[in-house]
C-alpha cells in the first residue's frame, strides 16, 4: 500500500485540497459558459466538428455538444463543492466522489499513455504527443495521491479524536429552559420571634466584683 503524503510539495494537504477544489469550480464555470455560448451560437461547435457544411444537422450536433458541456459543468460544481465543504467541515466522506472520478480519469490517462507509446513506435513517431501524454498521466496520478492522502489524514484525525466533527442538526435534541419551581418563603414571620423583653436587662447582671484597691509593695 502506498504511504499517504504528509505534504503536497511545499503546501499543506488542506491548502492543496482547497486549491484543487477552487480551480475545479473555476473550470466548471468556464465549461458552463462554453456550453451556453454553444447553445446561443451553434456554428461554433458545428465548425469544430466539421459538420458546418451540412445545414440539416449542424444545429443538432452543436446542441448535443452544448448539453454535454452544461451537464459536465454542473457535475463539476457538485463534486468540487463537496471537496471544499468536506475539507472545511472535516468530513472525509465528502471527498469520495472526487476520488472515484479522479481514479477513473487517472486510469484512462494511463491507457492513453499506452496508446501514445504504440503510436510512437509504430505510427507517427510523435515524441511531443507522447511526452505530453506521459506528463498528463503523472500529474493526474499526483493529484489523486494528494487528495487520497488528505482523505486519509482527515479520517485518521477523526478516529484519533484530534478533530471535532460538529454533529448534524437532527442529531442535536432540542432543549428548552424550564424555569425551576422554587418553594415559597419558608422563613417565619417577624411575630414568631421573641420580643426584646425576653432578654435580661443590664440590671440583671451582677456588678463588677473585681477589687478596687490593690496591695502595695515596698521597693528594695
N, C-alpha and C. Protein backbone atom coordinates (compact mmCIF):
# COMPACT_ATOMS: atom_id res chain seq x y z
N UNK A 1 0.84 -1.20 0.00
CA UNK A 1 0.00 0.00 0.00
C UNK A 1 0.88 1.25 0.00
N UNK A 2 0.51 2.22 -0.82
CA UNK A 2 1.29 3.44 -0.93
C UNK A 2 1.08 4.29 0.32
N UNK A 3 2.17 4.77 0.88
CA UNK A 3 2.09 5.60 2.08
C UNK A 3 1.50 6.96 1.73
N UNK A 4 0.52 7.45 2.51
CA UNK A 4 -0.05 8.78 2.22
C UNK A 4 0.99 9.88 2.38
N UNK A 5 0.82 10.91 1.60
CA UNK A 5 1.72 12.06 1.68
C UNK A 5 1.43 12.88 2.92
N UNK A 6 2.47 13.51 3.45
CA UNK A 6 2.30 14.45 4.56
C UNK A 6 2.13 15.88 4.06
N UNK A 7 2.69 16.18 2.89
CA UNK A 7 2.55 17.48 2.26
C UNK A 7 2.47 17.30 0.76
N UNK A 8 1.89 18.28 0.10
CA UNK A 8 1.85 18.30 -1.36
C UNK A 8 2.92 19.27 -1.84
N UNK A 9 4.15 18.77 -1.90
CA UNK A 9 5.26 19.66 -2.22
C UNK A 9 5.56 20.56 -1.04
N UNK A 10 5.41 21.87 -1.24
CA UNK A 10 5.64 22.83 -0.16
C UNK A 10 4.33 23.28 0.49
N UNK A 11 3.23 22.68 0.11
CA UNK A 11 1.92 23.07 0.63
C UNK A 11 1.39 22.03 1.59
N UNK A 12 0.61 22.50 2.55
CA UNK A 12 -0.11 21.58 3.41
C UNK A 12 -1.20 20.88 2.60
N UNK A 13 -1.59 19.70 3.06
CA UNK A 13 -2.59 18.94 2.32
C UNK A 13 -3.92 19.68 2.23
N UNK A 14 -4.32 20.33 3.32
CA UNK A 14 -5.59 21.05 3.30
C UNK A 14 -5.53 22.23 2.33
N UNK A 15 -4.39 22.94 2.32
CA UNK A 15 -4.24 24.06 1.39
C UNK A 15 -4.28 23.58 -0.06
N UNK A 16 -3.58 22.48 -0.33
CA UNK A 16 -3.60 21.92 -1.69
C UNK A 16 -5.01 21.47 -2.06
N UNK A 17 -5.74 20.90 -1.11
CA UNK A 17 -7.11 20.49 -1.39
C UNK A 17 -8.01 21.67 -1.72
N UNK A 18 -7.85 22.76 -0.96
CA UNK A 18 -8.63 23.96 -1.27
C UNK A 18 -8.31 24.50 -2.67
N UNK A 19 -7.02 24.50 -3.03
CA UNK A 19 -6.62 25.00 -4.35
C UNK A 19 -7.24 24.13 -5.45
N UNK A 20 -7.17 22.82 -5.28
CA UNK A 20 -7.76 21.91 -6.28
C UNK A 20 -9.27 22.13 -6.37
N UNK A 21 -9.91 22.30 -5.23
CA UNK A 21 -11.36 22.50 -5.23
C UNK A 21 -11.78 23.77 -5.94
N UNK A 22 -11.11 24.88 -5.61
CA UNK A 22 -11.49 26.16 -6.23
C UNK A 22 -11.10 26.22 -7.70
N UNK A 23 -9.99 25.60 -8.08
CA UNK A 23 -9.65 25.53 -9.50
C UNK A 23 -10.68 24.70 -10.26
N UNK A 24 -11.18 23.64 -9.63
CA UNK A 24 -12.23 22.85 -10.26
C UNK A 24 -13.52 23.64 -10.43
N UNK A 25 -13.85 24.46 -9.44
CA UNK A 25 -15.05 25.31 -9.57
C UNK A 25 -14.87 26.32 -10.70
N UNK A 26 -13.68 26.92 -10.78
CA UNK A 26 -13.42 27.88 -11.86
C UNK A 26 -13.48 27.20 -13.23
N UNK A 27 -12.94 25.99 -13.32
CA UNK A 27 -13.03 25.25 -14.58
C UNK A 27 -14.47 24.90 -14.95
N UNK A 28 -15.28 24.59 -13.94
CA UNK A 28 -16.69 24.29 -14.21
C UNK A 28 -17.43 25.52 -14.71
N UNK A 29 -17.08 26.69 -14.17
CA UNK A 29 -17.69 27.93 -14.66
C UNK A 29 -17.33 28.15 -16.13
N UNK A 30 -16.07 27.91 -16.48
CA UNK A 30 -15.65 28.08 -17.87
C UNK A 30 -16.38 27.11 -18.80
N UNK A 31 -16.51 25.86 -18.36
CA UNK A 31 -17.21 24.87 -19.18
C UNK A 31 -18.68 25.25 -19.35
N UNK A 32 -19.29 25.77 -18.28
CA UNK A 32 -20.68 26.19 -18.37
C UNK A 32 -20.85 27.34 -19.36
N UNK A 33 -19.93 28.29 -19.34
CA UNK A 33 -20.00 29.40 -20.29
C UNK A 33 -19.85 28.91 -21.73
N UNK A 34 -18.95 27.96 -21.95
CA UNK A 34 -18.78 27.41 -23.30
C UNK A 34 -20.06 26.73 -23.77
N UNK A 35 -20.69 25.97 -22.86
CA UNK A 35 -21.93 25.31 -23.23
C UNK A 35 -23.05 26.29 -23.54
N UNK A 36 -23.14 27.35 -22.75
CA UNK A 36 -24.19 28.35 -23.01
C UNK A 36 -23.94 29.09 -24.32
N UNK A 37 -22.67 29.40 -24.60
CA UNK A 37 -22.34 30.05 -25.87
C UNK A 37 -22.66 29.13 -27.04
N UNK A 38 -22.41 27.84 -26.86
CA UNK A 38 -22.72 26.89 -27.92
C UNK A 38 -24.20 26.80 -28.20
N UNK A 39 -25.02 26.92 -27.17
CA UNK A 39 -26.46 26.93 -27.40
C UNK A 39 -26.90 28.19 -28.14
N UNK A 40 -26.26 29.31 -27.83
CA UNK A 40 -26.64 30.55 -28.49
C UNK A 40 -26.08 30.70 -29.89
N UNK A 41 -24.92 30.08 -30.14
CA UNK A 41 -24.28 30.17 -31.45
C UNK A 41 -23.83 28.78 -31.89
N UNK A 42 -24.71 27.99 -32.48
CA UNK A 42 -24.37 26.60 -32.82
C UNK A 42 -23.25 26.46 -33.83
N UNK A 43 -22.92 27.49 -34.58
CA UNK A 43 -21.88 27.37 -35.60
C UNK A 43 -20.51 27.09 -34.99
N UNK A 44 -20.33 27.45 -33.71
CA UNK A 44 -19.02 27.24 -33.08
C UNK A 44 -18.71 25.74 -33.01
N UNK A 45 -19.62 24.98 -32.41
CA UNK A 45 -19.40 23.55 -32.28
C UNK A 45 -19.54 22.84 -33.62
N UNK A 46 -20.41 23.34 -34.48
CA UNK A 46 -20.58 22.70 -35.78
C UNK A 46 -19.30 22.81 -36.61
N UNK A 47 -18.67 23.99 -36.57
CA UNK A 47 -17.42 24.15 -37.30
C UNK A 47 -16.30 23.32 -36.71
N UNK A 48 -16.29 23.20 -35.37
CA UNK A 48 -15.27 22.38 -34.72
C UNK A 48 -15.44 20.90 -35.07
N UNK A 49 -16.68 20.48 -35.21
CA UNK A 49 -16.96 19.08 -35.50
C UNK A 49 -16.86 18.76 -36.99
N UNK A 50 -16.70 19.78 -37.82
CA UNK A 50 -16.59 19.54 -39.25
C UNK A 50 -17.92 19.34 -39.94
N UNK A 51 -19.01 19.67 -39.27
CA UNK A 51 -20.33 19.44 -39.86
C UNK A 51 -21.03 20.74 -40.24
N UNK A 52 -20.28 21.83 -40.30
CA UNK A 52 -20.89 23.11 -40.61
C UNK A 52 -21.47 23.14 -42.03
N UNK A 53 -20.86 22.37 -42.93
CA UNK A 53 -21.34 22.38 -44.32
C UNK A 53 -22.67 21.64 -44.47
N UNK A 54 -23.02 20.85 -43.45
CA UNK A 54 -24.28 20.12 -43.53
C UNK A 54 -25.35 20.92 -42.79
N UNK A 55 -26.14 21.67 -43.52
CA UNK A 55 -27.11 22.57 -42.92
C UNK A 55 -28.19 21.83 -42.14
N UNK A 56 -28.42 20.58 -42.52
CA UNK A 56 -29.55 19.89 -41.92
C UNK A 56 -29.24 19.35 -40.53
N UNK A 57 -27.97 19.21 -40.15
CA UNK A 57 -27.69 18.57 -38.86
C UNK A 57 -26.68 19.32 -37.99
N UNK A 58 -26.15 20.44 -38.43
CA UNK A 58 -25.10 21.05 -37.62
C UNK A 58 -25.67 21.66 -36.34
N UNK A 59 -26.92 22.10 -36.36
CA UNK A 59 -27.52 22.63 -35.14
C UNK A 59 -27.76 21.52 -34.11
N UNK A 60 -28.14 20.35 -34.59
CA UNK A 60 -28.33 19.22 -33.67
C UNK A 60 -27.01 18.81 -33.02
N UNK A 61 -25.96 18.77 -33.83
CA UNK A 61 -24.65 18.42 -33.29
C UNK A 61 -24.19 19.44 -32.26
N UNK A 62 -24.39 20.71 -32.56
CA UNK A 62 -24.00 21.77 -31.63
C UNK A 62 -24.80 21.70 -30.34
N UNK A 63 -26.07 21.38 -30.44
CA UNK A 63 -26.91 21.27 -29.24
C UNK A 63 -26.44 20.12 -28.35
N UNK A 64 -26.05 19.01 -28.97
CA UNK A 64 -25.57 17.87 -28.19
C UNK A 64 -24.28 18.23 -27.45
N UNK A 65 -23.36 18.88 -28.15
CA UNK A 65 -22.12 19.31 -27.51
C UNK A 65 -22.40 20.28 -26.37
N UNK A 66 -23.31 21.20 -26.59
CA UNK A 66 -23.62 22.20 -25.57
C UNK A 66 -24.22 21.56 -24.33
N UNK A 67 -25.13 20.63 -24.53
CA UNK A 67 -25.75 19.94 -23.38
C UNK A 67 -24.71 19.15 -22.61
N UNK A 68 -23.80 18.50 -23.32
CA UNK A 68 -22.74 17.74 -22.64
C UNK A 68 -21.88 18.67 -21.80
N UNK A 69 -21.54 19.83 -22.34
CA UNK A 69 -20.73 20.79 -21.59
C UNK A 69 -21.48 21.29 -20.36
N UNK A 70 -22.75 21.60 -20.51
CA UNK A 70 -23.52 22.15 -19.39
C UNK A 70 -23.69 21.11 -18.28
N UNK A 71 -24.00 19.88 -18.66
CA UNK A 71 -24.15 18.81 -17.66
C UNK A 71 -22.82 18.57 -16.95
N UNK A 72 -21.73 18.56 -17.71
CA UNK A 72 -20.41 18.37 -17.10
C UNK A 72 -20.09 19.49 -16.11
N UNK A 73 -20.51 20.70 -16.44
CA UNK A 73 -20.25 21.84 -15.55
C UNK A 73 -20.98 21.67 -14.22
N UNK A 74 -22.24 21.26 -14.27
CA UNK A 74 -22.99 21.09 -13.02
C UNK A 74 -22.47 19.91 -12.21
N UNK A 75 -22.03 18.86 -12.88
CA UNK A 75 -21.39 17.75 -12.16
C UNK A 75 -20.12 18.24 -11.48
N UNK A 76 -19.36 19.07 -12.18
CA UNK A 76 -18.15 19.63 -11.57
C UNK A 76 -18.46 20.51 -10.38
N UNK A 77 -19.51 21.33 -10.49
CA UNK A 77 -19.91 22.15 -9.34
C UNK A 77 -20.21 21.29 -8.12
N UNK A 78 -20.94 20.20 -8.34
CA UNK A 78 -21.32 19.33 -7.23
C UNK A 78 -20.10 18.66 -6.60
N UNK A 79 -19.23 18.11 -7.43
CA UNK A 79 -18.08 17.35 -6.91
C UNK A 79 -17.08 18.26 -6.21
N UNK A 80 -16.72 19.36 -6.85
CA UNK A 80 -15.74 20.26 -6.24
C UNK A 80 -16.33 21.02 -5.06
N UNK A 81 -17.63 21.26 -5.10
CA UNK A 81 -18.27 21.85 -3.93
C UNK A 81 -18.21 20.92 -2.73
N UNK A 82 -18.40 19.62 -2.97
CA UNK A 82 -18.27 18.65 -1.88
C UNK A 82 -16.84 18.60 -1.36
N UNK A 83 -15.87 18.75 -2.24
CA UNK A 83 -14.47 18.75 -1.81
C UNK A 83 -14.20 19.92 -0.86
N UNK A 84 -14.63 21.11 -1.25
CA UNK A 84 -14.40 22.29 -0.42
C UNK A 84 -15.15 22.17 0.91
N UNK A 85 -16.39 21.72 0.84
CA UNK A 85 -17.18 21.58 2.07
C UNK A 85 -16.59 20.50 2.98
N UNK A 86 -16.14 19.39 2.39
CA UNK A 86 -15.57 18.32 3.19
C UNK A 86 -14.29 18.73 3.89
N UNK A 87 -13.46 19.51 3.22
CA UNK A 87 -12.23 19.99 3.87
C UNK A 87 -12.56 20.97 4.98
N UNK A 88 -13.50 21.85 4.73
CA UNK A 88 -13.85 22.87 5.72
C UNK A 88 -14.47 22.26 6.97
N UNK A 89 -15.35 21.28 6.78
CA UNK A 89 -16.07 20.68 7.91
C UNK A 89 -15.43 19.39 8.41
N UNK A 90 -14.25 19.03 7.88
CA UNK A 90 -13.55 17.81 8.30
C UNK A 90 -14.42 16.56 8.12
N UNK A 91 -15.02 16.45 6.94
CA UNK A 91 -15.84 15.28 6.61
C UNK A 91 -15.19 14.57 5.43
N UNK A 92 -14.48 13.50 5.74
CA UNK A 92 -13.71 12.81 4.71
C UNK A 92 -14.60 12.14 3.67
N UNK A 93 -15.82 11.78 4.04
CA UNK A 93 -16.71 11.10 3.09
C UNK A 93 -17.08 12.01 1.91
N UNK A 94 -17.02 13.32 2.10
CA UNK A 94 -17.35 14.24 1.02
C UNK A 94 -16.32 14.20 -0.12
N UNK A 95 -15.15 13.65 0.15
CA UNK A 95 -14.10 13.58 -0.87
C UNK A 95 -14.20 12.32 -1.73
N UNK A 96 -15.08 11.39 -1.35
CA UNK A 96 -15.15 10.11 -2.06
C UNK A 96 -15.59 10.28 -3.52
N UNK A 97 -16.64 11.09 -3.83
CA UNK A 97 -17.00 11.24 -5.26
C UNK A 97 -15.85 11.75 -6.12
N UNK A 98 -15.09 12.71 -5.58
CA UNK A 98 -13.95 13.21 -6.36
C UNK A 98 -12.90 12.12 -6.54
N UNK A 99 -12.64 11.34 -5.49
CA UNK A 99 -11.64 10.28 -5.60
C UNK A 99 -12.04 9.24 -6.63
N UNK A 100 -13.33 8.93 -6.71
CA UNK A 100 -13.80 7.94 -7.69
C UNK A 100 -13.57 8.45 -9.11
N UNK A 101 -14.03 9.67 -9.39
CA UNK A 101 -13.86 10.21 -10.74
C UNK A 101 -12.40 10.47 -11.07
N UNK A 102 -11.63 10.90 -10.07
CA UNK A 102 -10.22 11.14 -10.31
C UNK A 102 -9.48 9.83 -10.59
N UNK A 103 -9.87 8.76 -9.89
CA UNK A 103 -9.26 7.46 -10.17
C UNK A 103 -9.59 6.96 -11.56
N UNK A 104 -10.85 7.14 -11.98
CA UNK A 104 -11.23 6.74 -13.34
C UNK A 104 -10.46 7.54 -14.38
N UNK A 105 -10.34 8.85 -14.13
CA UNK A 105 -9.60 9.70 -15.06
C UNK A 105 -8.13 9.30 -15.14
N UNK A 106 -7.53 8.96 -13.99
CA UNK A 106 -6.13 8.54 -13.99
C UNK A 106 -5.95 7.22 -14.74
N UNK A 107 -6.91 6.30 -14.59
CA UNK A 107 -6.82 5.02 -15.30
C UNK A 107 -6.93 5.23 -16.82
N UNK A 108 -7.86 6.10 -17.23
CA UNK A 108 -7.99 6.39 -18.66
C UNK A 108 -6.74 7.10 -19.19
N UNK A 109 -6.16 7.95 -18.36
CA UNK A 109 -4.94 8.62 -18.77
C UNK A 109 -3.79 7.63 -18.94
N UNK A 110 -3.75 6.62 -18.08
CA UNK A 110 -2.71 5.58 -18.22
C UNK A 110 -2.91 4.79 -19.52
N UNK A 111 -4.16 4.50 -19.86
CA UNK A 111 -4.42 3.85 -21.15
C UNK A 111 -4.00 4.74 -22.31
N UNK A 112 -4.19 6.05 -22.13
CA UNK A 112 -3.74 6.98 -23.17
C UNK A 112 -2.24 6.93 -23.37
N UNK A 113 -1.51 6.72 -22.27
CA UNK A 113 -0.05 6.60 -22.39
C UNK A 113 0.32 5.36 -23.20
N UNK A 114 -0.40 4.26 -22.97
CA UNK A 114 -0.11 3.04 -23.72
C UNK A 114 -0.38 3.24 -25.21
N UNK A 115 -1.50 3.87 -25.54
CA UNK A 115 -1.80 4.11 -26.96
C UNK A 115 -0.79 5.08 -27.57
N UNK A 116 -0.38 6.09 -26.79
CA UNK A 116 0.62 7.03 -27.30
C UNK A 116 1.95 6.33 -27.54
N UNK A 117 2.30 5.37 -26.67
CA UNK A 117 3.54 4.62 -26.86
C UNK A 117 3.47 3.76 -28.12
N UNK A 118 2.32 3.13 -28.33
CA UNK A 118 2.16 2.32 -29.55
C UNK A 118 2.24 3.20 -30.80
N UNK A 119 1.63 4.38 -30.71
CA UNK A 119 1.69 5.30 -31.85
C UNK A 119 3.10 5.81 -32.08
N UNK A 120 3.85 5.98 -30.97
CA UNK A 120 5.23 6.46 -31.10
C UNK A 120 6.11 5.43 -31.80
N UNK A 121 5.88 4.17 -31.49
CA UNK A 121 6.74 3.12 -32.05
C UNK A 121 6.35 2.76 -33.48
N UNK A 122 5.04 2.57 -33.70
CA UNK A 122 4.62 2.04 -35.00
C UNK A 122 3.84 3.03 -35.84
N UNK A 123 3.65 4.24 -35.35
CA UNK A 123 2.80 5.17 -36.08
C UNK A 123 3.53 6.42 -36.52
N UNK A 124 3.07 7.55 -35.98
CA UNK A 124 3.55 8.85 -36.44
C UNK A 124 4.89 9.25 -35.85
N UNK A 125 5.35 8.53 -34.82
CA UNK A 125 6.62 8.86 -34.14
C UNK A 125 6.59 10.28 -33.58
N UNK A 126 5.44 10.65 -33.03
CA UNK A 126 5.28 11.99 -32.47
C UNK A 126 5.77 11.98 -31.02
N UNK A 127 6.98 12.44 -30.81
CA UNK A 127 7.58 12.42 -29.47
C UNK A 127 6.88 13.43 -28.56
N UNK A 128 6.52 14.58 -29.11
CA UNK A 128 5.88 15.61 -28.29
C UNK A 128 4.54 15.11 -27.75
N UNK A 129 3.76 14.45 -28.56
CA UNK A 129 2.47 13.93 -28.12
C UNK A 129 2.66 12.87 -27.03
N UNK A 130 3.65 12.03 -27.18
CA UNK A 130 3.91 11.00 -26.18
C UNK A 130 4.36 11.63 -24.86
N UNK A 131 5.26 12.62 -24.93
CA UNK A 131 5.74 13.28 -23.72
C UNK A 131 4.61 14.01 -22.99
N UNK A 132 3.75 14.67 -23.75
CA UNK A 132 2.63 15.38 -23.14
C UNK A 132 1.66 14.40 -22.47
N UNK A 133 1.42 13.27 -23.11
CA UNK A 133 0.51 12.26 -22.53
C UNK A 133 1.08 11.69 -21.24
N UNK A 134 2.39 11.43 -21.23
CA UNK A 134 3.02 10.90 -20.02
C UNK A 134 2.96 11.93 -18.89
N UNK A 135 3.26 13.19 -19.21
CA UNK A 135 3.21 14.24 -18.19
C UNK A 135 1.79 14.40 -17.64
N UNK A 136 0.80 14.36 -18.51
CA UNK A 136 -0.59 14.49 -18.07
C UNK A 136 -0.98 13.34 -17.15
N UNK A 137 -0.56 12.13 -17.49
CA UNK A 137 -0.88 10.97 -16.65
C UNK A 137 -0.21 11.08 -15.29
N UNK A 138 1.05 11.47 -15.25
CA UNK A 138 1.76 11.60 -13.98
C UNK A 138 1.15 12.70 -13.12
N UNK A 139 0.74 13.79 -13.75
CA UNK A 139 0.12 14.88 -13.00
C UNK A 139 -1.20 14.44 -12.39
N UNK A 140 -2.01 13.72 -13.14
CA UNK A 140 -3.29 13.24 -12.60
C UNK A 140 -3.08 12.24 -11.47
N UNK A 141 -2.08 11.38 -11.61
CA UNK A 141 -1.77 10.44 -10.53
C UNK A 141 -1.32 11.18 -9.27
N UNK A 142 -0.54 12.25 -9.44
CA UNK A 142 -0.09 13.03 -8.29
C UNK A 142 -1.27 13.72 -7.61
N UNK A 143 -2.18 14.30 -8.39
CA UNK A 143 -3.35 14.95 -7.81
C UNK A 143 -4.21 13.94 -7.06
N UNK A 144 -4.37 12.76 -7.65
CA UNK A 144 -5.15 11.72 -6.98
C UNK A 144 -4.49 11.31 -5.66
N UNK A 145 -3.18 11.20 -5.65
CA UNK A 145 -2.48 10.81 -4.42
C UNK A 145 -2.59 11.90 -3.36
N UNK A 146 -2.53 13.16 -3.78
CA UNK A 146 -2.69 14.26 -2.82
C UNK A 146 -4.06 14.22 -2.17
N UNK A 147 -5.11 14.06 -2.97
CA UNK A 147 -6.46 14.06 -2.42
C UNK A 147 -6.72 12.81 -1.59
N UNK A 148 -6.14 11.68 -2.00
CA UNK A 148 -6.30 10.47 -1.20
C UNK A 148 -5.57 10.62 0.14
N UNK A 149 -4.41 11.25 0.13
CA UNK A 149 -3.68 11.50 1.38
C UNK A 149 -4.47 12.43 2.29
N UNK A 150 -5.10 13.44 1.70
CA UNK A 150 -5.93 14.35 2.50
C UNK A 150 -7.13 13.60 3.08
N UNK A 151 -7.73 12.75 2.28
CA UNK A 151 -8.85 11.93 2.76
C UNK A 151 -8.42 11.05 3.94
N UNK A 152 -7.28 10.40 3.81
CA UNK A 152 -6.77 9.54 4.88
C UNK A 152 -6.42 10.35 6.12
N UNK A 153 -5.84 11.54 5.91
CA UNK A 153 -5.44 12.38 7.04
C UNK A 153 -6.65 12.83 7.85
N UNK A 154 -7.69 13.29 7.18
CA UNK A 154 -8.90 13.73 7.89
C UNK A 154 -9.55 12.56 8.61
N UNK A 155 -9.60 11.41 7.96
CA UNK A 155 -10.22 10.23 8.57
C UNK A 155 -9.46 9.78 9.81
N UNK A 156 -8.13 9.75 9.75
CA UNK A 156 -7.34 9.33 10.91
C UNK A 156 -7.43 10.33 12.04
N UNK A 157 -7.48 11.62 11.72
CA UNK A 157 -7.62 12.62 12.78
C UNK A 157 -8.95 12.48 13.51
N UNK A 158 -10.00 12.16 12.76
CA UNK A 158 -11.30 11.96 13.40
C UNK A 158 -11.28 10.72 14.29
N UNK A 159 -10.67 9.63 13.81
CA UNK A 159 -10.61 8.40 14.60
C UNK A 159 -9.76 8.58 15.85
N UNK A 160 -8.72 9.40 15.76
CA UNK A 160 -7.85 9.63 16.92
C UNK A 160 -8.37 10.72 17.84
N UNK A 161 -9.49 11.33 17.48
CA UNK A 161 -10.07 12.35 18.34
C UNK A 161 -9.40 13.70 18.27
N UNK A 162 -8.58 13.92 17.23
CA UNK A 162 -7.89 15.21 17.11
C UNK A 162 -8.71 16.23 16.34
N UNK A 163 -9.81 15.80 15.75
CA UNK A 163 -10.69 16.71 15.02
C UNK A 163 -12.09 16.52 15.55
N UNK A 164 -12.70 17.58 15.97
CA UNK A 164 -14.06 17.54 16.48
C UNK A 164 -15.02 17.81 15.34
N UNK A 165 -15.80 16.79 14.99
CA UNK A 165 -16.76 16.92 13.90
C UNK A 165 -18.08 17.40 14.49
N UNK A 166 -18.59 18.54 14.05
CA UNK A 166 -19.86 19.01 14.59
C UNK A 166 -21.00 18.09 14.20
N UNK A 167 -21.88 17.73 15.13
CA UNK A 167 -23.00 16.85 14.79
C UNK A 167 -24.00 17.58 13.92
N UNK A 168 -24.79 16.79 13.22
CA UNK A 168 -25.82 17.38 12.38
C UNK A 168 -26.93 17.97 13.24
N UNK A 169 -27.73 18.83 12.62
CA UNK A 169 -28.79 19.50 13.38
C UNK A 169 -29.83 18.50 13.87
N UNK A 170 -30.06 17.42 13.10
CA UNK A 170 -31.06 16.44 13.51
C UNK A 170 -30.60 15.61 14.70
N UNK A 171 -29.26 15.51 14.88
CA UNK A 171 -28.74 14.70 15.98
C UNK A 171 -28.72 15.45 17.30
N UNK A 172 -28.91 16.75 17.27
CA UNK A 172 -28.88 17.54 18.49
C UNK A 172 -30.30 17.72 18.99
N UNK A 173 -30.64 17.19 20.17
CA UNK A 173 -32.01 17.35 20.67
C UNK A 173 -32.31 18.79 21.04
N UNK A 174 -33.56 19.14 20.86
CA UNK A 174 -33.99 20.49 21.19
C UNK A 174 -34.16 20.60 22.70
N UNK A 175 -33.46 21.53 23.29
CA UNK A 175 -33.50 21.73 24.72
C UNK A 175 -34.17 23.05 25.04
N UNK A 176 -35.10 23.00 25.97
CA UNK A 176 -35.80 24.20 26.41
C UNK A 176 -35.49 24.45 27.88
N UNK A 177 -35.31 25.69 28.20
CA UNK A 177 -35.03 26.07 29.58
C UNK A 177 -36.34 26.15 30.36
N UNK A 178 -36.55 25.16 31.22
CA UNK A 178 -37.76 25.12 32.04
C UNK A 178 -37.47 25.84 33.35
N UNK A 179 -38.26 26.84 33.71
CA UNK A 179 -37.99 27.56 34.97
C UNK A 179 -38.14 26.65 36.18
N UNK A 180 -37.22 26.78 37.10
CA UNK A 180 -37.23 25.96 38.31
C UNK A 180 -38.28 26.48 39.29
N UNK A 181 -39.06 25.55 39.82
CA UNK A 181 -40.10 25.93 40.78
C UNK A 181 -39.48 26.01 42.17
N UNK A 182 -39.25 27.20 42.62
CA UNK A 182 -38.67 27.39 43.94
C UNK A 182 -39.77 27.32 45.01
N UNK A 183 -39.48 26.79 46.21
CA UNK A 183 -40.51 26.74 47.28
C UNK A 183 -40.83 28.14 47.77
N UNK A 184 -42.02 28.30 48.33
CA UNK A 184 -42.38 29.63 48.86
C UNK A 184 -41.50 30.00 50.05
N UNK A 185 -41.64 31.22 50.47
CA UNK A 185 -40.81 31.72 51.56
C UNK A 185 -41.07 30.91 52.83
N UNK A 186 -40.06 30.17 53.26
CA UNK A 186 -40.22 29.29 54.41
C UNK A 186 -39.81 29.94 55.72
N UNK A 187 -39.39 31.18 55.64
CA UNK A 187 -38.97 31.83 56.88
C UNK A 187 -40.20 32.27 57.68
N UNK A 188 -40.16 32.13 59.03
CA UNK A 188 -41.33 32.54 59.84
C UNK A 188 -41.49 34.05 59.85
N UNK A 189 -42.69 34.51 60.03
CA UNK A 189 -42.90 35.98 60.09
C UNK A 189 -42.22 36.57 61.31
N UNK A 190 -42.17 37.88 61.32
CA UNK A 190 -41.49 38.57 62.42
C UNK A 190 -42.16 38.32 63.77
N UNK A 191 -43.46 38.06 63.78
CA UNK A 191 -44.15 37.86 65.05
C UNK A 191 -43.70 36.60 65.76
N UNK A 192 -43.11 35.68 65.02
CA UNK A 192 -42.69 34.43 65.64
C UNK A 192 -41.43 34.58 66.46
N UNK A 193 -40.72 35.66 66.27
CA UNK A 193 -39.50 35.86 67.03
C UNK A 193 -39.86 36.47 68.40
N UNK A 194 -39.08 36.13 69.43
CA UNK A 194 -39.33 36.65 70.78
C UNK A 194 -39.02 38.14 70.84
N UNK A 195 -39.84 38.91 71.56
CA UNK A 195 -39.56 40.36 71.67
C UNK A 195 -38.32 40.60 72.52
N UNK A 196 -37.91 41.84 72.53
CA UNK A 196 -36.70 42.19 73.29
C UNK A 196 -36.86 42.00 74.79
N UNK A 197 -38.11 42.01 75.29
CA UNK A 197 -38.33 41.87 76.73
C UNK A 197 -37.90 40.51 77.25
N UNK A 198 -37.79 39.56 76.37
CA UNK A 198 -37.41 38.22 76.82
C UNK A 198 -35.94 38.14 77.17
N UNK A 199 -35.19 39.11 76.76
CA UNK A 199 -33.76 39.09 77.07
C UNK A 199 -33.53 39.87 78.35
N UNK A 200 -32.63 39.43 79.26
CA UNK A 200 -32.39 40.15 80.53
C UNK A 200 -31.76 41.51 80.28
N UNK A 201 -32.13 42.44 81.11
CA UNK A 201 -31.56 43.78 81.01
C UNK A 201 -30.20 43.82 81.68
N UNK A 202 -29.55 44.95 81.60
CA UNK A 202 -28.22 45.09 82.20
C UNK A 202 -28.27 44.98 83.72
N UNK A 203 -29.43 45.33 84.30
CA UNK A 203 -29.52 45.28 85.77
C UNK A 203 -29.49 43.87 86.30
N UNK A 204 -29.79 42.93 85.49
CA UNK A 204 -29.81 41.54 85.95
C UNK A 204 -28.42 40.96 86.11
N UNK A 205 -27.45 41.60 85.54
CA UNK A 205 -26.09 41.08 85.66
C UNK A 205 -25.47 41.60 86.95
N UNK A 206 -24.63 40.83 87.68
CA UNK A 206 -24.01 41.30 88.94
C UNK A 206 -23.05 42.44 88.67
N UNK A 207 -22.89 43.31 89.67
CA UNK A 207 -21.94 44.43 89.49
C UNK A 207 -20.52 43.92 89.39
N UNK A 208 -19.65 44.83 89.12
CA UNK A 208 -18.24 44.48 88.96
C UNK A 208 -17.68 43.96 90.27
N UNK A 209 -17.29 42.72 90.31
CA UNK A 209 -16.82 42.09 91.54
C UNK A 209 -15.32 42.17 91.70
N UNK A 210 -14.65 42.80 90.82
CA UNK A 210 -13.19 42.89 90.94
C UNK A 210 -12.84 43.93 92.00
N UNK A 211 -11.74 43.72 92.80
CA UNK A 211 -11.35 44.70 93.85
C UNK A 211 -10.91 46.01 93.23
N UNK A 212 -11.21 47.04 94.00
CA UNK A 212 -10.86 48.38 93.52
C UNK A 212 -9.51 48.84 94.05
N UNK A 213 -9.00 48.19 95.14
CA UNK A 213 -7.69 48.56 95.69
C UNK A 213 -6.77 47.37 95.58
N UNK A 214 -5.54 47.64 95.34
CA UNK A 214 -4.54 46.60 95.18
C UNK A 214 -3.45 46.80 96.22
N UNK A 215 -2.83 45.76 96.77
CA UNK A 215 -1.75 45.92 97.78
C UNK A 215 -0.53 46.57 97.16
N UNK A 216 0.16 47.30 97.99
CA UNK A 216 1.39 47.97 97.54
C UNK A 216 2.59 47.21 98.06
N UNK A 217 3.66 47.28 97.36
CA UNK A 217 4.89 46.57 97.71
C UNK A 217 6.00 47.59 97.83
N UNK A 218 6.84 47.37 98.86
CA UNK A 218 7.98 48.26 99.06
C UNK A 218 9.08 47.91 98.07
N UNK A 219 9.62 48.91 97.51
CA UNK A 219 10.71 48.69 96.58
C UNK A 219 11.99 48.41 97.34
N UNK A 220 12.78 47.47 96.95
CA UNK A 220 14.04 47.11 97.61
C UNK A 220 15.14 47.96 97.03
